[in-house]
N, C-alpha and C. Protein backbone atom coordinates (compact mmCIF):
# COMPACT_ATOMS: atom_id res chain seq x y z
N MET A 1 0.80 -1.28 -0.06
CA MET A 1 -0.06 0.02 -0.05
C MET A 1 0.96 1.22 -0.04
N SER A 2 0.44 2.30 -0.58
CA SER A 2 1.17 3.53 -0.56
C SER A 2 0.36 4.71 -0.66
N LEU A 3 0.87 5.71 -0.17
CA LEU A 3 0.13 7.06 0.03
C LEU A 3 0.89 8.04 -1.22
N ILE A 4 0.10 8.84 -1.73
CA ILE A 4 0.62 9.83 -2.73
C ILE A 4 1.25 10.91 -1.65
N ALA A 5 2.40 11.13 -1.95
CA ALA A 5 3.09 12.17 -1.14
C ALA A 5 3.33 13.49 -1.68
N GLY A 6 2.84 13.58 -2.93
CA GLY A 6 2.98 14.93 -3.73
C GLY A 6 3.08 14.81 -5.22
N THR A 7 2.62 15.68 -5.91
CA THR A 7 2.64 15.81 -7.35
C THR A 7 3.33 17.11 -7.61
N LEU A 8 4.35 17.30 -8.39
CA LEU A 8 5.07 18.36 -8.76
C LEU A 8 5.64 18.23 -10.13
N CYS A 9 5.90 19.27 -10.80
CA CYS A 9 6.79 19.28 -12.05
C CYS A 9 8.06 18.89 -11.72
N PRO A 10 8.86 18.20 -12.44
CA PRO A 10 10.08 17.67 -12.07
C PRO A 10 11.20 18.68 -11.58
N SER A 11 11.18 19.91 -11.97
CA SER A 11 12.11 21.00 -11.71
C SER A 11 11.74 21.33 -10.18
N LEU A 12 10.49 21.04 -9.70
CA LEU A 12 10.34 21.33 -8.27
C LEU A 12 10.15 20.13 -7.39
N PHE A 13 10.24 18.96 -7.86
CA PHE A 13 10.06 17.75 -7.10
C PHE A 13 11.32 17.44 -6.50
N ARG A 14 11.38 17.43 -5.09
CA ARG A 14 12.76 17.21 -4.34
C ARG A 14 12.67 15.65 -4.04
N LEU A 15 13.91 15.19 -4.34
CA LEU A 15 14.32 13.77 -3.74
C LEU A 15 14.89 13.84 -2.46
N PRO A 16 14.85 12.65 -1.69
CA PRO A 16 15.44 12.60 -0.39
C PRO A 16 16.99 13.22 -0.46
N GLY A 17 17.28 14.17 0.36
CA GLY A 17 18.57 14.72 0.13
C GLY A 17 18.46 16.07 -0.24
N GLY A 18 17.26 16.47 -1.03
CA GLY A 18 17.05 17.89 -1.48
C GLY A 18 17.36 18.09 -2.89
N THR A 19 17.96 17.16 -3.70
CA THR A 19 18.22 17.28 -5.07
C THR A 19 16.92 17.39 -5.90
N THR A 20 16.71 18.16 -6.83
CA THR A 20 15.41 18.19 -7.55
C THR A 20 15.65 16.95 -8.55
N LEU A 21 14.37 16.52 -9.10
CA LEU A 21 14.34 15.44 -10.03
C LEU A 21 15.13 15.73 -11.37
N THR A 22 14.93 17.02 -11.77
CA THR A 22 15.70 17.44 -12.98
C THR A 22 17.19 17.54 -12.79
N GLU A 23 17.63 17.92 -11.62
CA GLU A 23 19.06 17.78 -11.25
C GLU A 23 19.53 16.50 -11.39
N ALA A 24 18.91 15.59 -10.79
CA ALA A 24 19.29 14.11 -10.59
C ALA A 24 19.42 13.59 -11.98
N LEU A 25 18.37 13.95 -12.90
CA LEU A 25 18.43 13.43 -14.29
C LEU A 25 19.25 14.19 -15.18
N ASN A 26 19.95 15.29 -14.70
CA ASN A 26 20.76 16.19 -15.63
C ASN A 26 19.94 16.60 -16.84
N GLN A 27 18.62 17.07 -16.50
CA GLN A 27 17.87 17.68 -17.44
C GLN A 27 17.21 19.03 -16.94
N SER A 28 18.11 20.03 -16.80
CA SER A 28 17.54 21.11 -16.16
C SER A 28 16.49 21.93 -17.07
N ASP A 29 16.48 21.59 -18.33
CA ASP A 29 15.40 22.23 -19.33
C ASP A 29 14.28 21.32 -19.44
N TYR A 30 14.06 20.33 -18.47
CA TYR A 30 12.76 19.56 -18.61
C TYR A 30 11.55 20.39 -18.65
N ASN A 31 10.60 20.01 -19.52
CA ASN A 31 9.42 20.68 -19.68
C ASN A 31 9.51 22.04 -20.30
N THR A 32 10.70 22.66 -20.44
CA THR A 32 10.81 24.22 -21.01
C THR A 32 10.40 24.26 -22.36
N ARG A 33 10.37 23.15 -23.11
CA ARG A 33 10.09 23.22 -24.52
C ARG A 33 8.48 22.87 -24.83
N ARG A 34 7.84 22.73 -23.78
CA ARG A 34 6.39 22.19 -23.74
C ARG A 34 5.64 23.47 -23.31
N SER A 35 4.47 23.49 -23.70
CA SER A 35 3.59 24.43 -23.13
C SER A 35 3.12 23.91 -21.81
N GLU A 36 2.69 24.79 -20.76
CA GLU A 36 2.30 24.16 -19.52
C GLU A 36 1.39 23.14 -19.56
N ASP A 37 0.29 23.29 -20.37
CA ASP A 37 -0.71 22.28 -20.36
C ASP A 37 -0.25 20.86 -20.81
N GLN A 38 1.00 20.85 -21.35
CA GLN A 38 1.72 19.59 -21.81
C GLN A 38 2.73 19.06 -20.86
N TRP A 39 2.91 19.75 -19.83
CA TRP A 39 4.01 19.38 -18.95
C TRP A 39 3.93 17.97 -18.31
N GLU A 40 4.89 17.38 -18.03
CA GLU A 40 4.81 15.99 -17.26
C GLU A 40 5.10 16.32 -15.94
N TYR A 41 4.62 15.48 -14.86
CA TYR A 41 4.75 15.59 -13.53
C TYR A 41 5.31 14.40 -12.80
N ALA A 42 5.90 14.60 -11.77
CA ALA A 42 6.55 13.52 -10.92
C ALA A 42 5.61 13.24 -9.80
N VAL A 43 5.31 12.08 -9.54
CA VAL A 43 4.49 11.66 -8.46
C VAL A 43 5.33 10.98 -7.21
N GLY A 44 5.15 11.64 -6.08
CA GLY A 44 5.96 10.92 -4.97
C GLY A 44 5.04 9.90 -4.26
N VAL A 45 5.66 8.94 -4.09
CA VAL A 45 4.87 7.74 -3.18
C VAL A 45 5.54 7.44 -1.98
N GLU A 46 4.59 7.42 -0.95
CA GLU A 46 5.20 6.98 0.42
C GLU A 46 4.61 5.40 0.61
N TRP A 47 5.65 4.57 0.53
CA TRP A 47 5.17 3.17 0.61
C TRP A 47 4.95 2.75 2.16
N LYS A 48 3.77 2.25 2.46
CA LYS A 48 3.37 1.91 3.67
C LYS A 48 3.36 0.57 4.00
N LYS A 49 3.24 -0.44 3.01
CA LYS A 49 3.46 -1.79 3.07
C LYS A 49 3.60 -2.43 1.68
N HIS A 50 4.62 -3.45 1.61
CA HIS A 50 4.86 -3.97 0.33
C HIS A 50 4.76 -5.52 0.52
N PHE A 51 4.74 -6.35 -0.58
CA PHE A 51 4.97 -7.67 -0.59
C PHE A 51 6.00 -8.07 -1.54
N GLN A 52 6.56 -9.25 -1.36
CA GLN A 52 7.46 -9.84 -2.35
C GLN A 52 6.76 -10.20 -3.57
N LEU A 53 7.37 -10.13 -4.78
CA LEU A 53 6.67 -10.52 -5.90
C LEU A 53 6.13 -11.89 -5.81
N SER A 54 6.74 -12.72 -5.24
CA SER A 54 6.18 -14.15 -5.10
C SER A 54 4.97 -14.14 -4.10
N GLU A 55 4.67 -13.04 -3.19
CA GLU A 55 3.43 -13.01 -2.62
C GLU A 55 2.51 -12.04 -3.22
N ALA A 56 2.51 -11.62 -4.35
CA ALA A 56 1.72 -10.59 -5.01
C ALA A 56 0.19 -10.86 -4.75
N LYS A 57 -0.55 -9.91 -4.51
CA LYS A 57 -1.98 -9.93 -4.24
C LYS A 57 -2.82 -9.57 -5.55
N THR A 58 -3.67 -10.45 -5.88
CA THR A 58 -4.51 -10.12 -7.00
C THR A 58 -5.85 -11.00 -6.98
N PHE A 59 -6.75 -10.70 -7.88
CA PHE A 59 -7.85 -11.56 -7.99
C PHE A 59 -8.48 -11.53 -9.34
N LYS A 60 -9.14 -12.38 -9.98
CA LYS A 60 -9.69 -12.37 -11.20
C LYS A 60 -10.82 -11.27 -11.27
N GLY A 61 -10.61 -10.26 -12.22
CA GLY A 61 -11.53 -9.18 -12.22
C GLY A 61 -11.07 -7.92 -11.51
N VAL A 62 -9.81 -7.92 -11.11
CA VAL A 62 -9.29 -6.76 -10.25
C VAL A 62 -9.27 -5.60 -11.20
N PHE A 63 -9.58 -4.39 -10.78
CA PHE A 63 -9.44 -3.19 -11.53
C PHE A 63 -7.96 -2.74 -11.75
N ALA A 64 -7.60 -2.60 -13.03
CA ALA A 64 -6.35 -2.25 -13.48
C ALA A 64 -6.31 -0.95 -14.19
N ASN A 65 -5.28 -0.24 -14.18
CA ASN A 65 -5.18 0.99 -14.94
C ASN A 65 -3.66 1.21 -15.27
N GLN A 66 -3.32 1.61 -16.40
CA GLN A 66 -1.83 1.83 -16.73
C GLN A 66 -1.31 3.22 -16.21
N ASN A 67 -2.23 4.17 -15.79
CA ASN A 67 -1.75 5.26 -15.23
C ASN A 67 -1.08 5.01 -13.72
N VAL A 68 -0.15 5.93 -13.50
CA VAL A 68 0.61 5.84 -12.34
C VAL A 68 -0.33 6.16 -11.18
N VAL A 69 -1.20 7.00 -11.20
CA VAL A 69 -2.11 7.42 -10.31
C VAL A 69 -3.60 7.44 -10.77
N CYS A 70 -4.48 6.80 -9.95
CA CYS A 70 -5.93 6.79 -10.22
C CYS A 70 -6.60 6.58 -9.14
N LYS A 71 -7.95 6.94 -9.00
CA LYS A 71 -8.73 6.82 -7.91
C LYS A 71 -9.34 5.48 -7.99
N LEU A 72 -9.37 4.74 -6.88
CA LEU A 72 -10.04 3.44 -6.85
C LEU A 72 -11.53 3.43 -6.66
N THR A 73 -12.27 3.22 -7.53
CA THR A 73 -13.80 3.21 -7.38
C THR A 73 -14.44 2.01 -7.36
N ASP A 74 -13.87 0.96 -7.98
CA ASP A 74 -14.45 -0.40 -8.22
C ASP A 74 -14.53 -1.01 -6.92
N ALA A 75 -15.88 -1.32 -6.34
CA ALA A 75 -16.14 -1.69 -4.96
C ALA A 75 -15.42 -3.00 -4.67
N ALA A 76 -15.45 -3.90 -5.77
CA ALA A 76 -14.63 -5.29 -5.41
C ALA A 76 -13.17 -4.97 -5.13
N THR A 77 -12.59 -4.12 -5.99
CA THR A 77 -11.14 -4.00 -5.79
C THR A 77 -10.83 -3.19 -4.47
N VAL A 78 -11.79 -2.42 -4.21
CA VAL A 78 -11.56 -1.51 -2.86
C VAL A 78 -11.61 -2.46 -1.74
N ALA A 79 -12.77 -3.29 -1.74
CA ALA A 79 -12.78 -4.36 -0.67
C ALA A 79 -11.62 -5.15 -0.53
N PHE A 80 -11.11 -5.50 -1.65
CA PHE A 80 -10.02 -6.58 -1.60
C PHE A 80 -8.64 -5.89 -1.06
N VAL A 81 -8.47 -4.70 -1.60
CA VAL A 81 -7.26 -3.77 -1.09
C VAL A 81 -7.47 -3.60 0.41
N ARG A 82 -8.67 -3.31 1.01
CA ARG A 82 -8.90 -3.04 2.28
C ARG A 82 -8.62 -4.32 3.24
N GLU A 83 -8.98 -5.40 2.60
CA GLU A 83 -8.83 -6.61 3.35
C GLU A 83 -7.34 -7.09 3.28
N GLU A 84 -6.73 -7.06 2.23
CA GLU A 84 -5.26 -7.53 2.02
C GLU A 84 -4.39 -6.59 2.70
N PHE A 85 -4.60 -5.40 2.83
CA PHE A 85 -3.69 -4.51 3.47
C PHE A 85 -4.23 -4.08 4.74
N GLN A 86 -5.30 -4.65 5.33
CA GLN A 86 -5.73 -4.38 6.68
C GLN A 86 -5.96 -2.91 6.74
N ILE A 87 -6.92 -2.37 6.07
CA ILE A 87 -7.24 -1.01 6.07
C ILE A 87 -8.64 -0.87 6.61
N ARG A 88 -8.86 -0.13 7.80
CA ARG A 88 -10.15 0.02 8.34
C ARG A 88 -11.07 0.68 7.22
N SER A 89 -12.29 0.37 7.14
CA SER A 89 -13.35 0.85 6.40
C SER A 89 -13.55 2.21 6.46
N ASP A 90 -13.43 2.80 7.62
CA ASP A 90 -13.66 4.23 7.85
C ASP A 90 -12.47 5.12 7.53
N VAL A 91 -11.37 4.49 7.00
CA VAL A 91 -10.07 5.32 6.61
C VAL A 91 -10.22 5.91 5.33
N ALA A 92 -10.71 5.21 4.35
CA ALA A 92 -10.99 5.58 3.02
C ALA A 92 -12.19 5.02 2.43
N LYS A 93 -13.12 5.97 1.84
CA LYS A 93 -14.48 5.68 1.34
C LYS A 93 -14.22 5.45 -0.18
N VAL A 94 -15.04 4.70 -0.79
CA VAL A 94 -15.03 4.50 -2.24
C VAL A 94 -15.56 5.94 -2.83
N GLY A 95 -14.62 6.34 -3.71
CA GLY A 95 -15.04 7.58 -4.37
C GLY A 95 -14.78 8.84 -3.67
N SER A 96 -14.24 8.69 -2.48
CA SER A 96 -13.99 9.90 -1.71
C SER A 96 -12.77 10.77 -2.31
N THR A 97 -12.75 11.94 -1.91
CA THR A 97 -11.51 12.80 -2.32
C THR A 97 -10.86 13.18 -1.15
N PRO A 98 -9.50 13.21 -1.18
CA PRO A 98 -8.69 13.61 -0.12
C PRO A 98 -8.85 14.93 0.48
C-alpha cells in the first residue's frame, strides 16, 4: 500500500537529500520546450506496506489502470485492497476525495 506524497513538475520535485528530479536526471530544461498544459509531472509515493513478488496480491477481475495514479472506485477492488492491506473501512471511502 502506498500514499501519494505529492505531485509536482520535475524541476520542483525534491528527492530525499534535497536534489530536484531534473538535477538528478541532468535535465535542467525538462518541460521548458512544452506548453504548460503539456508538462509532465512527478508523483511522490510513500510506501506503507509491500509484498515480495512471489506474494503478490490479485484476483480475477481486479481493477487495473496503466496510469501511475488513479482513484479506486471499483467496489470489489476497494474491498480486496482493504482486506489484504488491513485498512479499516472508515479510513478511505469509495469515491472519496482527499
